[in-house]
């Protein structure tokens, strides 16, 4: 066990904490949940950076890091959809979660055929992740119906568009291995 892996595990531990805090009937609950989620998002960047810098990449970390990322984002989107009750948020959330499932399956398939590197993370995916994380932090920090909450929904819609774009890029890169011969 090393510090980068501990940061990834911290992200997993923060999932139920974020959910519980979000539902506390107090004005501060939204802000604390947003701060906890932002902390988790920062550990996502920091654990990978430290693992590479310190030469502490491990198979366990390589497996767990993307799982933790997807789980915390999915959990946040689920509680936001439940609380905000609008298709303006629900549709982007479904697109984002659906894309993560498709790309995870694609990466697994490409690894099976020995071409995992053709679906490696690209710049569009990184921009998508940044926009998505900012949108989720904004949405978690706001009660439904606020002006800033509306900005968060718009940012999540932008993230959904970037999500579809990055999925198309990944699928195009893998298409020659996916299509029937």
C-alpha atoms as a PDB file:
ATOM      1  CA  UNK A   1       0.000   0.000   0.000  1.00  0.00           C
ATOM      2  CA  UNK A   2       1.383   3.398  -0.974  1.00  0.00           C
ATOM      3  CA  UNK A   3       0.202   7.020  -0.755  1.00  0.00           C
ATOM      4  CA  UNK A   4      -1.263   7.157  -4.301  1.00  0.00           C
ATOM      5  CA  UNK A   5      -3.323   4.013  -3.589  1.00  0.00           C
ATOM      6  CA  UNK A   6      -4.415   5.417  -0.230  1.00  0.00           C
ATOM      7  CA  UNK A   7      -5.645   8.572  -2.003  1.00  0.00           C
ATOM      8  CA  UNK A   8      -7.658   6.385  -4.382  1.00  0.00           C
ATOM      9  CA  UNK A   9      -9.138   4.480  -1.436  1.00  0.00           C
ATOM     10  CA  UNK A  10      -9.961   7.819   0.205  1.00  0.00           C
ATOM     11  CA  UNK A  11     -12.001   8.675  -2.894  1.00  0.00           C
ATOM     12  CA  UNK A  12     -13.993   5.459  -2.430  1.00  0.00           C
ATOM     13  CA  UNK A  13     -14.567   6.215   1.265  1.00  0.00           C
ATOM     14  CA  UNK A  14     -15.791   9.707   0.372  1.00  0.00           C
ATOM     15  CA  UNK A  15     -18.647   8.298  -1.754  1.00  0.00           C
ATOM     16  CA  UNK A  16     -20.974   7.277   1.103  1.00  0.00           C
ATOM     17  CA  UNK A  17     -19.835  10.281   3.137  1.00  0.00           C
ATOM     18  CA  UNK A  18     -20.873  12.636   0.313  1.00  0.00           C
ATOM     19  CA  UNK A  19     -24.234  10.914  -0.060  1.00  0.00           C
ATOM     20  CA  UNK A  20     -25.007  11.033   3.667  1.00  0.00           C
ATOM     21  CA  UNK A  21     -23.923  14.664   4.053  1.00  0.00           C
ATOM     22  CA  UNK A  22     -25.908  15.732   0.966  1.00  0.00           C
ATOM     23  CA  UNK A  23     -29.138  14.503   2.560  1.00  0.00           C
ATOM     24  CA  UNK A  24     -28.611  16.177   5.935  1.00  0.00           C
ATOM     25  CA  UNK A  25     -31.449  18.706   6.260  1.00  0.00           C
ATOM     26  CA  UNK A  26     -29.225  21.717   6.914  1.00  0.00           C
ATOM     27  CA  UNK A  27     -28.203  24.706   4.802  1.00  0.00           C
ATOM     28  CA  UNK A  28     -24.495  23.820   5.081  1.00  0.00           C
ATOM     29  CA  UNK A  29     -24.943  20.270   3.748  1.00  0.00           C
ATOM     30  CA  UNK A  30     -24.708  21.314   0.082  1.00  0.00           C
ATOM     31  CA  UNK A  31     -21.485  23.252   0.661  1.00  0.00           C
ATOM     32  CA  UNK A  32     -19.816  20.471   2.656  1.00  0.00           C
ATOM     33  CA  UNK A  33     -20.801  17.875   0.048  1.00  0.00           C
ATOM     34  CA  UNK A  34     -19.349  20.059  -2.713  1.00  0.00           C
ATOM     35  CA  UNK A  35     -16.111  20.504  -0.753  1.00  0.00           C
ATOM     36  CA  UNK A  36     -15.833  16.743  -0.151  1.00  0.00           C
ATOM     37  CA  UNK A  37     -16.473  16.016  -3.829  1.00  0.00           C
ATOM     38  CA  UNK A  38     -13.903  18.657  -4.852  1.00  0.00           C
ATOM     39  CA  UNK A  39     -11.406  17.027  -2.489  1.00  0.00           C
ATOM     40  CA  UNK A  40     -12.100  13.686  -4.159  1.00  0.00           C
ATOM     41  CA  UNK A  41     -11.635  15.244  -7.610  1.00  0.00           C
ATOM     42  CA  UNK A  42      -8.299  16.712  -6.531  1.00  0.00           C
ATOM     43  CA  UNK A  43      -7.129  13.342  -5.201  1.00  0.00           C
ATOM     44  CA  UNK A  44      -7.934  11.886  -8.625  1.00  0.00           C
ATOM     45  CA  UNK A  45      -5.340  14.129 -10.209  1.00  0.00           C
ATOM     46  CA  UNK A  46      -2.915  13.981  -7.302  1.00  0.00           C
ATOM     47  CA  UNK A  47      -2.779  10.187  -6.898  1.00  0.00           C
ATOM     48  CA  UNK A  48      -1.822   9.658 -10.534  1.00  0.00           C
ATOM     49  CA  UNK A  49       0.746  12.441 -10.408  1.00  0.00           C
ATOM     50  CA  UNK A  50       2.375  11.032  -7.272  1.00  0.00           C
ATOM     51  CA  UNK A  51       2.322   7.462  -8.560  1.00  0.00           C
ATOM     52  CA  UNK A  52       4.185   8.499 -11.713  1.00  0.00           C
ATOM     53  CA  UNK A  53       6.564  10.930  -9.970  1.00  0.00           C
ATOM     54  CA  UNK A  54       7.517   8.496  -7.210  1.00  0.00           C
ATOM     55  CA  UNK A  55       7.507   5.407  -9.437  1.00  0.00           C
ATOM     56  CA  UNK A  56       4.719   3.878  -7.358  1.00  0.00           C
ATOM     57  CA  UNK A  57       2.339   2.759 -10.073  1.00  0.00           C
ATOM     58  CA  UNK A  58       0.813  -0.596  -9.198  1.00  0.00           C
ATOM     59  CA  UNK A  59      -1.609  -2.983 -10.893  1.00  0.00           C
ATOM     60  CA  UNK A  60      -3.976  -2.414  -7.941  1.00  0.00           C
ATOM     61  CA  UNK A  61      -3.845   1.361  -8.433  1.00  0.00           C
ATOM     62  CA  UNK A  62      -4.239   1.061 -12.212  1.00  0.00           C
ATOM     63  CA  UNK A  63      -7.381  -1.006 -11.633  1.00  0.00           C
ATOM     64  CA  UNK A  64      -8.861   0.926  -8.713  1.00  0.00           C
ATOM     65  CA  UNK A  65      -8.284   4.517  -9.881  1.00  0.00           C
ATOM     66  CA  UNK A  66     -10.722   4.487 -12.826  1.00  0.00           C
ATOM     67  CA  UNK A  67     -13.237   2.507 -10.763  1.00  0.00           C
ATOM     68  CA  UNK A  68     -13.136   5.108  -7.977  1.00  0.00           C
ATOM     69  CA  UNK A  69     -13.479   7.924 -10.520  1.00  0.00           C
ATOM     70  CA  UNK A  70     -16.532   6.412 -12.149  1.00  0.00           C
ATOM     71  CA  UNK A  71     -18.212   5.463  -8.874  1.00  0.00           C
ATOM     72  CA  UNK A  72     -17.937   8.888  -7.258  1.00  0.00           C
ATOM     73  CA  UNK A  73     -19.162  10.648 -10.408  1.00  0.00           C
ATOM     74  CA  UNK A  74     -22.069   8.213 -10.818  1.00  0.00           C
ATOM     75  CA  UNK A  75     -23.054   8.549  -7.145  1.00  0.00           C
ATOM     76  CA  UNK A  76     -22.981  12.345  -7.362  1.00  0.00           C
ATOM     77  CA  UNK A  77     -25.037  12.365 -10.561  1.00  0.00           C
ATOM     78  CA  UNK A  78     -27.627   9.989  -9.080  1.00  0.00           C
ATOM     79  CA  UNK A  79     -28.221  12.146  -6.000  1.00  0.00           C
ATOM     80  CA  UNK A  80     -28.333  15.278  -8.143  1.00  0.00           C
ATOM     81  CA  UNK A  81     -30.895  13.759 -10.511  1.00  0.00           C
ATOM     82  CA  UNK A  82     -33.050  12.738  -7.561  1.00  0.00           C
ATOM     83  CA  UNK A  83     -32.901  16.145  -5.920  1.00  0.00           C
ATOM     84  CA  UNK A  84     -33.199  18.388  -8.985  1.00  0.00           C
ATOM     85  CA  UNK A  85     -35.919  16.391 -10.754  1.00  0.00           C
ATOM     86  CA  UNK A  86     -35.408  17.901 -14.206  1.00  0.00           C
ATOM     87  CA  UNK A  87     -34.654  16.278 -17.504  1.00  0.00           C
ATOM     88  CA  UNK A  88     -32.202  19.125 -18.184  1.00  0.00           C
ATOM     89  CA  UNK A  89     -29.969  17.410 -15.633  1.00  0.00           C
ATOM     90  CA  UNK A  90     -31.188  13.812 -16.029  1.00  0.00           C
ATOM     91  CA  UNK A  91     -30.349  13.513 -19.736  1.00  0.00           C
ATOM     92  CA  UNK A  92     -26.735  14.708 -19.374  1.00  0.00           C
ATOM     93  CA  UNK A  93     -26.324  12.442 -16.324  1.00  0.00           C
ATOM     94  CA  UNK A  94     -27.537   9.413 -18.296  1.00  0.00           C
ATOM     95  CA  UNK A  95     -25.235  10.339 -21.202  1.00  0.00           C
ATOM     96  CA  UNK A  96     -22.226  10.666 -18.889  1.00  0.00           C
ATOM     97  CA  UNK A  97     -22.874   7.431 -16.990  1.00  0.00           C
ATOM     98  CA  UNK A  98     -23.714   5.570 -20.211  1.00  0.00           C
ATOM     99  CA  UNK A  99     -20.536   6.763 -21.894  1.00  0.00           C
ATOM    100  CA  UNK A 100     -18.456   5.566 -18.945  1.00  0.00           C
ATOM    101  CA  UNK A 101     -19.965   2.096 -19.265  1.00  0.00           C
ATOM    102  CA  UNK A 102     -19.373   2.012 -23.038  1.00  0.00           C
ATOM    103  CA  UNK A 103     -15.773   3.238 -22.807  1.00  0.00           C
ATOM    104  CA  UNK A 104     -14.975   0.867 -19.930  1.00  0.00           C
ATOM    105  CA  UNK A 105     -16.258  -2.038 -21.994  1.00  0.00           C
ATOM    106  CA  UNK A 106     -14.362  -0.766 -25.052  1.00  0.00           C
ATOM    107  CA  UNK A 107     -11.107  -0.509 -23.096  1.00  0.00           C
ATOM    108  CA  UNK A 108     -11.597  -4.004 -21.720  1.00  0.00           C
ATOM    109  CA  UNK A 109     -12.218  -5.360 -25.217  1.00  0.00           C
ATOM    110  CA  UNK A 110      -9.245  -3.518 -26.698  1.00  0.00           C
ATOM    111  CA  UNK A 111      -6.997  -4.840 -23.915  1.00  0.00           C
ATOM    112  CA  UNK A 112      -8.225  -8.334 -24.708  1.00  0.00           C
ATOM    113  CA  UNK A 113      -7.165  -7.958 -28.342  1.00  0.00           C
ATOM    114  CA  UNK A 114      -3.861  -6.328 -27.334  1.00  0.00           C
ATOM    115  CA  UNK A 115      -4.686  -2.793 -28.457  1.00  0.00           C
ATOM    116  CA  UNK A 116      -5.436  -0.985 -25.198  1.00  0.00           C
ATOM    117  CA  UNK A 117      -3.211   1.962 -26.170  1.00  0.00           C
ATOM    118  CA  UNK A 118      -5.489   2.870 -29.096  1.00  0.00           C
ATOM    119  CA  UNK A 119      -8.159   3.939 -26.570  1.00  0.00           C
ATOM    120  CA  UNK A 120      -5.867   5.701 -24.092  1.00  0.00           C
ATOM    121  CA  UNK A 121      -7.081   8.906 -22.445  1.00  0.00           C
ATOM    122  CA  UNK A 122      -6.921  11.880 -24.814  1.00  0.00           C
ATOM    123  CA  UNK A 123      -7.179  15.667 -24.421  1.00  0.00           C
ATOM    124  CA  UNK A 124     -10.929  15.772 -25.146  1.00  0.00           C
ATOM    125  CA  UNK A 125     -11.452  13.254 -22.351  1.00  0.00           C
ATOM    126  CA  UNK A 126      -9.388  15.378 -19.966  1.00  0.00           C
ATOM    127  CA  UNK A 127     -11.316  18.559 -20.821  1.00  0.00           C
ATOM    128  CA  UNK A 128     -14.581  16.642 -20.461  1.00  0.00           C
ATOM    129  CA  UNK A 129     -13.533  15.447 -17.026  1.00  0.00           C
ATOM    130  CA  UNK A 130     -12.566  18.953 -15.887  1.00  0.00           C
ATOM    131  CA  UNK A 131     -15.866  20.496 -17.065  1.00  0.00           C
ATOM    132  CA  UNK A 132     -17.828  17.604 -15.585  1.00  0.00           C
ATOM    133  CA  UNK A 133     -16.115  17.904 -12.188  1.00  0.00           C
ATOM    134  CA  UNK A 134     -16.655  21.667 -12.022  1.00  0.00           C
ATOM    135  CA  UNK A 135     -20.323  21.220 -13.002  1.00  0.00           C
ATOM    136  CA  UNK A 136     -20.849  18.572 -10.318  1.00  0.00           C
ATOM    137  CA  UNK A 137     -19.156  20.681  -7.635  1.00  0.00           C
ATOM    138  CA  UNK A 138     -21.350  23.658  -8.554  1.00  0.00           C
ATOM    139  CA  UNK A 139     -24.498  21.511  -8.579  1.00  0.00           C
ATOM    140  CA  UNK A 140     -23.677  19.837  -5.258  1.00  0.00           C
ATOM    141  CA  UNK A 141     -23.120  23.254  -3.668  1.00  0.00           C
ATOM    142  CA  UNK A 142     -26.535  24.612  -4.636  1.00  0.00           C
ATOM    143  CA  UNK A 143     -30.121  23.902  -3.730  1.00  0.00           C
ATOM    144  CA  UNK A 144     -32.286  23.173  -6.784  1.00  0.00           C
ATOM    145  CA  UNK A 145     -33.659  26.236  -8.537  1.00  0.00           C
ATOM    146  CA  UNK A 146     -30.846  28.660  -7.762  1.00  0.00           C
ATOM    147  CA  UNK A 147     -29.174  30.736 -10.461  1.00  0.00           C
ATOM    148  CA  UNK A 148     -25.811  29.105  -9.817  1.00  0.00           C
ATOM    149  CA  UNK A 149     -27.528  25.704  -9.910  1.00  0.00           C
ATOM    150  CA  UNK A 150     -28.790  26.562 -13.392  1.00  0.00           C
ATOM    151  CA  UNK A 151     -25.230  27.442 -14.407  1.00  0.00           C
ATOM    152  CA  UNK A 152     -24.175  24.038 -13.061  1.00  0.00           C
ATOM    153  CA  UNK A 153     -26.830  22.319 -15.171  1.00  0.00           C
ATOM    154  CA  UNK A 154     -25.629  24.190 -18.261  1.00  0.00           C
ATOM    155  CA  UNK A 155     -22.033  23.176 -17.494  1.00  0.00           C
ATOM    156  CA  UNK A 156     -23.154  19.554 -17.103  1.00  0.00           C
ATOM    157  CA  UNK A 157     -24.821  19.790 -20.523  1.00  0.00           C
ATOM    158  CA  UNK A 158     -21.534  21.027 -21.998  1.00  0.00           C
ATOM    159  CA  UNK A 159     -19.793  18.106 -20.284  1.00  0.00           C
ATOM    160  CA  UNK A 160     -22.347  15.728 -21.840  1.00  0.00           C
ATOM    161  CA  UNK A 161     -21.595  17.088 -25.322  1.00  0.00           C
ATOM    162  CA  UNK A 162     -17.857  16.663 -24.680  1.00  0.00           C
ATOM    163  CA  UNK A 163     -18.629  13.187 -23.348  1.00  0.00           C
ATOM    164  CA  UNK A 164     -20.311  12.190 -26.607  1.00  0.00           C
ATOM    165  CA  UNK A 165     -17.516  13.754 -28.639  1.00  0.00           C
ATOM    166  CA  UNK A 166     -14.818  11.883 -26.720  1.00  0.00           C
ATOM    167  CA  UNK A 167     -16.789   8.631 -27.004  1.00  0.00           C
ATOM    168  CA  UNK A 168     -16.952   9.055 -30.780  1.00  0.00           C
ATOM    169  CA  UNK A 169     -13.186   9.665 -30.882  1.00  0.00           C
ATOM    170  CA  UNK A 170     -12.563   6.481 -28.891  1.00  0.00           C
ATOM    171  CA  UNK A 171     -14.968   4.430 -30.993  1.00  0.00           C
ATOM    172  CA  UNK A 172     -13.400   5.704 -34.220  1.00  0.00           C
ATOM    173  CA  UNK A 173      -9.940   4.765 -32.934  1.00  0.00           C
ATOM    174  CA  UNK A 174     -11.158   1.243 -32.170  1.00  0.00           C
ATOM    175  CA  UNK A 175     -13.520   0.808 -35.122  1.00  0.00           C
ATOM    176  CA  UNK A 176     -11.158  -1.264 -37.267  1.00  0.00           C
ATOM    177  CA  UNK A 177     -10.956  -3.806 -34.430  1.00  0.00           C
ATOM    178  CA  UNK A 178     -14.702  -3.743 -33.710  1.00  0.00           C
ATOM    179  CA  UNK A 179     -16.259  -4.003 -37.160  1.00  0.00           C
ATOM    180  CA  UNK A 180     -16.973  -7.365 -38.724  1.00  0.00           C
ATOM    181  CA  UNK A 181     -14.168  -8.617 -40.966  1.00  0.00           C
END
